[in-house]
Structure formats: C-alpha cells, structure tokens
PDB file of N, CA and C in Angstrom:
ATOM      1  N   MET A   1     -13.980  17.204 -41.736  1.00  0.00           N
ATOM      2  CA  MET A   1     -14.922  18.325 -42.521  1.00  0.00           C
ATOM      3  C   MET A   1     -14.164  18.289 -43.689  1.00  0.00           C
ATOM      4  N   PRO A   2     -13.019  18.849 -43.991  1.00  0.00           N
ATOM      5  CA  PRO A   2     -12.709  19.313 -45.275  1.00  0.00           C
ATOM      6  C   PRO A   2     -12.440  17.904 -46.368  1.00  0.00           C
ATOM      7  N   GLU A   3     -12.634  16.777 -45.682  1.00  0.00           N
ATOM      8  CA  GLU A   3     -12.337  15.508 -46.242  1.00  0.00           C
ATOM      9  C   GLU A   3     -13.941  14.951 -46.777  1.00  0.00           C
ATOM     10  N   LEU A   4     -14.515  15.111 -45.871  1.00  0.00           N
ATOM     11  CA  LEU A   4     -16.376  14.950 -46.921  1.00  0.00           C
ATOM     12  C   LEU A   4     -16.511  16.027 -47.966  1.00  0.00           C
ATOM     13  N   VAL A   5     -15.875  17.171 -47.787  1.00  0.00           N
ATOM     14  CA  VAL A   5     -16.346  18.434 -48.799  1.00  0.00           C
ATOM     15  C   VAL A   5     -15.653  17.690 -49.937  1.00  0.00           C
ATOM     16  N   ARG A   6     -14.713  17.283 -49.812  1.00  0.00           N
ATOM     17  CA  ARG A   6     -13.538  16.868 -51.049  1.00  0.00           C
ATOM     18  C   ARG A   6     -14.280  15.327 -51.827  1.00  0.00           C
ATOM     19  N   GLN A   7     -14.694  14.739 -50.870  1.00  0.00           N
ATOM     20  CA  GLN A   7     -15.559  13.741 -51.333  1.00  0.00           C
ATOM     21  C   GLN A   7     -16.951  13.761 -52.072  1.00  0.00           C
ATOM     22  N   TYR A   8     -17.616  14.889 -51.447  1.00  0.00           N
ATOM     23  CA  TYR A   8     -18.766  15.030 -51.959  1.00  0.00           C
ATOM     24  C   TYR A   8     -18.411  15.878 -53.553  1.00  0.00           C
ATOM     25  N   GLU A   9     -17.336  16.724 -53.549  1.00  0.00           N
ATOM     26  CA  GLU A   9     -16.840  17.291 -55.083  1.00  0.00           C
ATOM     27  C   GLU A   9     -16.512  16.157 -55.656  1.00  0.00           C
ATOM     28  N   LYS A  10     -15.750  15.305 -55.560  1.00  0.00           N
ATOM     29  CA  LYS A  10     -15.346  14.312 -56.334  1.00  0.00           C
ATOM     30  C   LYS A  10     -16.519  13.673 -57.159  1.00  0.00           C
ATOM     31  N   GLN A  11     -17.632  13.134 -56.347  1.00  0.00           N
ATOM     32  CA  GLN A  11     -18.514  12.543 -56.357  1.00  0.00           C
ATOM     33  C   GLN A  11     -19.367  13.097 -57.314  1.00  0.00           C
ATOM     34  N   THR A  12     -19.515  14.740 -56.942  1.00  0.00           N
ATOM     35  CA  THR A  12     -20.468  15.366 -57.968  1.00  0.00           C
ATOM     36  C   THR A  12     -20.130  15.611 -59.345  1.00  0.00           C
ATOM     37  N   ILE A  13     -18.928  15.651 -59.514  1.00  0.00           N
ATOM     38  CA  ILE A  13     -18.019  16.131 -60.587  1.00  0.00           C
ATOM     39  C   ILE A  13     -18.281  14.947 -61.348  1.00  0.00           C
ATOM     40  N   GLU A  14     -17.963  13.608 -60.701  1.00  0.00           N
ATOM     41  CA  GLU A  14     -18.036  12.319 -61.237  1.00  0.00           C
ATOM     42  C   GLU A  14     -19.662  11.917 -62.523  1.00  0.00           C
ATOM     43  N   ASN A  15     -20.586  12.415 -61.276  1.00  0.00           N
ATOM     44  CA  ASN A  15     -21.578  11.789 -61.525  1.00  0.00           C
ATOM     45  C   ASN A  15     -21.989  12.776 -62.794  1.00  0.00           C
ATOM     46  N   ALA A  16     -21.645  13.920 -62.899  1.00  0.00           N
ATOM     47  CA  ALA A  16     -21.986  15.097 -64.111  1.00  0.00           C
ATOM     48  C   ALA A  16     -21.352  14.455 -65.480  1.00  0.00           C
ATOM     49  N   LEU A  17     -19.895  13.984 -65.273  1.00  0.00           N
ATOM     50  CA  LEU A  17     -18.909  13.338 -66.206  1.00  0.00           C
ATOM     51  C   LEU A  17     -19.773  12.259 -66.824  1.00  0.00           C
ATOM     52  N   ILE A  18     -20.221  11.472 -65.949  1.00  0.00           N
ATOM     53  CA  ILE A  18     -21.175  10.095 -66.277  1.00  0.00           C
ATOM     54  C   ILE A  18     -22.730  10.701 -66.936  1.00  0.00           C
ATOM     55  N   LEU A  19     -23.057  11.769 -66.487  1.00  0.00           N
ATOM     56  CA  LEU A  19     -24.463  12.157 -67.219  1.00  0.00           C
ATOM     57  C   LEU A  19     -24.259  12.824 -68.694  1.00  0.00           C
ATOM     58  N   ASN A  20     -22.891  13.506 -68.628  1.00  0.00           N
ATOM     59  CA  ASN A  20     -22.687  13.878 -69.891  1.00  0.00           C
ATOM     60  C   ASN A  20     -21.781  13.471 -70.739  1.00  0.00           C
ATOM     61  N   SER A  21     -21.421  12.024 -70.622  1.00  0.00           N
ATOM     62  CA  SER A  21     -20.819  11.257 -71.441  1.00  0.00           C
ATOM     63  C   SER A  21     -18.756  11.578 -71.647  1.00  0.00           C
ATOM     64  N   GLY A  22     -18.911  12.134 -70.415  1.00  0.00           N
ATOM     65  CA  GLY A  22     -16.783  12.650 -70.286  1.00  0.00           C
ATOM     66  C   GLY A  22     -17.010  14.114 -71.149  1.00  0.00           C
ATOM     67  N   ASN A  23     -18.160  14.469 -71.518  1.00  0.00           N
ATOM     68  CA  ASN A  23     -17.841  16.063 -72.002  1.00  0.00           C
ATOM     69  C   ASN A  23     -17.386  17.187 -71.120  1.00  0.00           C
ATOM     70  N   VAL A  24     -16.279  17.828 -71.010  1.00  0.00           N
ATOM     71  CA  VAL A  24     -16.072  18.360 -70.197  1.00  0.00           C
ATOM     72  C   VAL A  24     -16.641  19.702 -70.072  1.00  0.00           C
ATOM     73  N   SER A  25     -16.886  20.164 -71.370  1.00  0.00           N
ATOM     74  CA  SER A  25     -17.814  21.606 -71.980  1.00  0.00           C
ATOM     75  C   SER A  25     -19.139  21.354 -70.898  1.00  0.00           C
ATOM     76  N   GLN A  26     -19.836  20.391 -71.603  1.00  0.00           N
ATOM     77  CA  GLN A  26     -21.256  20.386 -70.978  1.00  0.00           C
ATOM     78  C   GLN A  26     -21.401  20.044 -69.974  1.00  0.00           C
ATOM     79  N   CYS A  27     -20.353  19.375 -69.136  1.00  0.00           N
ATOM     80  CA  CYS A  27     -20.179  19.181 -67.597  1.00  0.00           C
ATOM     81  C   CYS A  27     -20.053  20.522 -66.679  1.00  0.00           C
ATOM     82  N   ALA A  28     -19.413  21.188 -67.453  1.00  0.00           N
ATOM     83  CA  ALA A  28     -19.153  22.484 -66.759  1.00  0.00           C
ATOM     84  C   ALA A  28     -20.158  23.186 -66.932  1.00  0.00           C
ATOM     85  N   ILE A  29     -20.884  23.348 -67.827  1.00  0.00           N
ATOM     86  CA  ILE A  29     -22.128  24.083 -68.062  1.00  0.00           C
ATOM     87  C   ILE A  29     -23.354  23.636 -66.808  1.00  0.00           C
ATOM     88  N   GLN A  30     -23.200  22.101 -66.563  1.00  0.00           N
ATOM     89  CA  GLN A  30     -24.605  22.093 -66.018  1.00  0.00           C
ATOM     90  C   GLN A  30     -24.125  22.349 -64.818  1.00  0.00           C
ATOM     91  N   LEU A  31     -22.727  22.122 -63.957  1.00  0.00           N
ATOM     92  CA  LEU A  31     -22.394  22.434 -63.072  1.00  0.00           C
ATOM     93  C   LEU A  31     -22.118  23.861 -62.712  1.00  0.00           C
ATOM     94  N   GLY A  32     -22.363  24.592 -63.754  1.00  0.00           N
ATOM     95  CA  GLY A  32     -22.287  26.357 -63.311  1.00  0.00           C
ATOM     96  C   GLY A  32     -21.031  26.640 -63.001  1.00  0.00           C
ATOM     97  N   ILE A  33     -20.119  26.197 -63.811  1.00  0.00           N
ATOM     98  CA  ILE A  33     -18.550  26.685 -63.561  1.00  0.00           C
ATOM     99  C   ILE A  33     -18.342  26.708 -64.913  1.00  0.00           C
ATOM    100  N   THR A  34     -17.088  27.696 -64.971  1.00  0.00           N
ATOM    101  CA  THR A  34     -16.083  27.381 -66.453  1.00  0.00           C
ATOM    102  C   THR A  34     -15.370  26.266 -66.208  1.00  0.00           C
ATOM    103  N   ARG A  35     -15.149  26.095 -67.571  1.00  0.00           N
ATOM    104  CA  ARG A  35     -14.494  24.793 -68.002  1.00  0.00           C
ATOM    105  C   ARG A  35     -13.105  24.734 -67.622  1.00  0.00           C
ATOM    106  N   GLN A  36     -12.382  26.082 -67.659  1.00  0.00           N
ATOM    107  CA  GLN A  36     -10.768  26.172 -67.378  1.00  0.00           C
ATOM    108  C   GLN A  36     -11.032  25.463 -65.496  1.00  0.00           C
ATOM    109  N   ASN A  37     -12.111  26.105 -65.109  1.00  0.00           N
ATOM    110  CA  ASN A  37     -12.332  25.944 -63.720  1.00  0.00           C
ATOM    111  C   ASN A  37     -12.431  24.300 -62.924  1.00  0.00           C
ATOM    112  N   LEU A  38     -13.374  23.710 -64.151  1.00  0.00           N
ATOM    113  CA  LEU A  38     -13.231  22.447 -64.169  1.00  0.00           C
ATOM    114  C   LEU A  38     -12.274  21.656 -64.058  1.00  0.00           C
ATOM    115  N   HIS A  39     -11.446  21.928 -65.367  1.00  0.00           N
ATOM    116  CA  HIS A  39     -10.001  21.296 -65.384  1.00  0.00           C
ATOM    117  C   HIS A  39      -9.480  21.310 -64.151  1.00  0.00           C
ATOM    118  N   TYR A  40      -9.244  22.591 -63.439  1.00  0.00           N
ATOM    119  CA  TYR A  40      -8.518  22.702 -62.446  1.00  0.00           C
ATOM    120  C   TYR A  40      -8.789  21.463 -61.317  1.00  0.00           C
ATOM    121  N   HIS A  41      -9.992  21.685 -61.055  1.00  0.00           N
ATOM    122  CA  HIS A  41     -10.878  20.696 -60.000  1.00  0.00           C
ATOM    123  C   HIS A  41     -10.345  19.002 -60.284  1.00  0.00           C
ATOM    124  N   LEU A  42     -10.274  18.958 -61.739  1.00  0.00           N
ATOM    125  CA  LEU A  42     -10.316  17.551 -62.158  1.00  0.00           C
ATOM    126  C   LEU A  42      -8.948  17.034 -61.976  1.00  0.00           C
ATOM    127  N   ARG A  43      -7.978  18.002 -62.150  1.00  0.00           N
ATOM    128  CA  ARG A  43      -6.313  17.798 -61.677  1.00  0.00           C
ATOM    129  C   ARG A  43      -6.218  17.348 -60.111  1.00  0.00           C
ATOM    130  N   ARG A  44      -7.191  18.620 -59.466  1.00  0.00           N
ATOM    131  CA  ARG A  44      -6.620  18.298 -58.189  1.00  0.00           C
ATOM    132  C   ARG A  44      -7.382  17.357 -57.605  1.00  0.00           C
ATOM    133  N   LEU A  45      -8.404  16.710 -58.086  1.00  0.00           N
ATOM    134  CA  LEU A  45      -8.917  15.970 -57.295  1.00  0.00           C
ATOM    135  C   LEU A  45      -8.697  13.958 -58.099  1.00  0.00           C
ATOM    136  N   GLY A  46      -7.669  14.365 -59.101  1.00  0.00           N
ATOM    137  CA  GLY A  46      -7.070  13.312 -59.826  1.00  0.00           C
ATOM    138  C   GLY A  46      -8.043  12.473 -60.711  1.00  0.00           C
ATOM    139  N   ILE A  47      -9.176  13.136 -61.068  1.00  0.00           N
ATOM    140  CA  ILE A  47     -10.208  12.697 -61.702  1.00  0.00           C
ATOM    141  C   ILE A  47      -9.632  12.704 -63.486  1.00  0.00           C
ATOM    142  N   ASN A  48      -9.814  11.737 -64.040  1.00  0.00           N
ATOM    143  CA  ASN A  48      -9.549  11.589 -65.708  1.00  0.00           C
ATOM    144  C   ASN A  48     -10.815  11.658 -66.343  1.00  0.00           C
ATOM    145  N   SER A  49     -11.188  12.603 -67.047  1.00  0.00           N
ATOM    146  CA  SER A  49     -12.183  12.706 -67.714  1.00  0.00           C
ATOM    147  C   SER A  49     -12.331  11.610 -68.971  1.00  0.00           C
ATOM    148  N   VAL A  50     -10.948  11.289 -69.485  1.00  0.00           N
ATOM    149  CA  VAL A  50     -10.850  10.434 -70.461  1.00  0.00           C
ATOM    150  C   VAL A  50     -11.730   9.094 -70.444  1.00  0.00           C
ATOM    151  N   PHE A  51     -11.451   8.995 -69.106  1.00  0.00           N
ATOM    152  CA  PHE A  51     -11.893   7.408 -68.530  1.00  0.00           C
ATOM    153  C   PHE A  51     -13.604   7.508 -68.778  1.00  0.00           C
ATOM    154  N   TYR A  52     -14.380   8.627 -68.410  1.00  0.00           N
ATOM    155  CA  TYR A  52     -15.903   8.458 -68.609  1.00  0.00           C
ATOM    156  C   TYR A  52     -16.354   8.943 -70.147  1.00  0.00           C
ATOM    157  N   LYS A  53     -15.496   9.009 -71.175  1.00  0.00           N
ATOM    158  CA  LYS A  53     -15.838   9.042 -72.167  1.00  0.00           C
ATOM    159  C   LYS A  53     -15.337   7.975 -72.652  1.00  0.00           C
ATOM    160  N   ALA A  54     -14.506   7.023 -72.628  1.00  0.00           N
ATOM    161  CA  ALA A  54     -13.982   5.514 -73.032  1.00  0.00           C
ATOM    162  C   ALA A  54     -15.382   4.828 -72.434  1.00  0.00           C
ATOM    163  N   GLN A  55     -15.930   5.247 -71.411  1.00  0.00           N
ATOM    164  CA  GLN A  55     -16.653   4.102 -70.361  1.00  0.00           C
ATOM    165  C   GLN A  55     -18.148   4.308 -71.161  1.00  0.00           C
ATOM    166  N   SER A  56     -18.360   5.652 -71.783  1.00  0.00           N
ATOM    167  CA  SER A  56     -19.845   5.581 -72.637  1.00  0.00           C
ATOM    168  C   SER A  56     -19.825   5.155 -73.835  1.00  0.00           C
ATOM    169  N   ILE A  57     -18.471   4.915 -74.316  1.00  0.00           N
ATOM    170  CA  ILE A  57     -18.435   4.416 -75.572  1.00  0.00           C
ATOM    171  C   ILE A  57     -18.631   3.140 -75.407  1.00  0.00           C
ATOM    172  N   SER A  58     -17.773   2.256 -74.657  1.00  0.00           N
ATOM    173  CA  SER A  58     -17.979   1.138 -74.466  1.00  0.00           C
ATOM    174  C   SER A  58     -19.605   0.450 -74.125  1.00  0.00           C
ATOM    175  N   ASP A  59     -20.228   1.106 -73.263  1.00  0.00           N
ATOM    176  CA  ASP A  59     -21.743   1.256 -72.758  1.00  0.00           C
ATOM    177  C   ASP A  59     -22.601   1.363 -74.016  1.00  0.00           C
ATOM    178  N   THR A  60     -22.325   2.260 -74.843  1.00  0.00           N
ATOM    179  CA  THR A  60     -22.919   2.095 -75.958  1.00  0.00           C
ATOM    180  C   THR A  60     -22.898   1.093 -77.423  1.00  0.00           C
ATOM    181  N   THR A  61     -21.571   0.593 -77.636  1.00  0.00           N
ATOM    182  CA  THR A  61     -21.144  -0.490 -78.467  1.00  0.00           C
ATOM    183  C   THR A  61     -21.498  -1.638 -77.648  1.00  0.00           C
ATOM    184  N   SER A  62     -21.896  -2.274 -76.571  1.00  0.00           N
ATOM    185  CA  SER A  62     -22.297  -3.323 -76.369  1.00  0.00           C
ATOM    186  C   SER A  62     -23.985  -3.238 -76.539  1.00  0.00           C
ATOM    187  N   SER A  63     -24.367  -3.942 -77.166  1.00  0.00           N
ATOM    188  CA  SER A  63     -25.949  -3.787 -77.122  1.00  0.00           C
ATOM    189  C   SER A  63     -26.161  -5.051 -76.234  1.00  0.00           C
ATOM    190  N   PRO A  64     -27.524  -5.288 -75.811  1.00  0.00           N
ATOM    191  CA  PRO A  64     -28.136  -6.182 -74.825  1.00  0.00           C
ATOM    192  C   PRO A  64     -28.602  -7.022 -75.577  1.00  0.00           C
ATOM    193  N   GLN A  65     -28.279  -8.567 -74.908  1.00  0.00           N
ATOM    194  CA  GLN A  65     -28.903  -9.566 -75.299  1.00  0.00           C
ATOM    195  C   GLN A  65     -29.971  -9.934 -75.379  1.00  0.00           C
ATOM    196  N   LYS A  66     -31.066 -10.151 -76.444  1.00  0.00           N
ATOM    197  CA  LYS A  66     -31.871 -10.732 -76.677  1.00  0.00           C
ATOM    198  C   LYS A  66     -32.320 -12.113 -75.647  1.00  0.00           C
ATOM    199  N   GLN A  67     -33.175 -12.315 -74.524  1.00  0.00           N
ATOM    200  CA  GLN A  67     -33.591 -13.635 -74.178  1.00  0.00           C
ATOM    201  C   GLN A  67     -34.827 -14.480 -74.755  1.00  0.00           C
ATOM    202  N   ASN A  68     -35.006 -15.470 -74.965  1.00  0.00           N
ATOM    203  CA  ASN A  68     -36.225 -15.894 -75.312  1.00  0.00           C
ATOM    204  C   ASN A  68     -36.682 -16.659 -74.257  1.00  0.00           C
TER     205      ASN A  68
END
C-alpha cells in the first residue's frame, strides 16, 4: 500500500509540473501546498523540476511541420 501511495504522489506532482511548465511555485499553488513542502516532496521522490522546464522549452521551440 505505501508504494501505491508513493507512485500516485509522484505521478500527481509530475503532472502538475508538466501543466505548469516546471514552475515550482505555480505547481505548489495548484497542489494546495507550500513551495517548501513541494521541494521536500521533490527531493524525497527524486523528481528534478528542471527537467520539466527544459522539456517545456523544447516543446515550444519545435514548430510542427506543415503537410501538403
């Protein structure tokens, strides 16, 4: 049971980071916790928020190719 809770928590935080382009402050607001508490969870779960910032930057810089 504790492993299921950990997986759910990790998935929830990762989804919030994706939705907020890696912005930890906005992610914490969305999750209803403090930024410091979110940083604690990120460290505990081994989540690197910088990855989500880099991912969102690469998503916005690549433009879809036009098909004829």
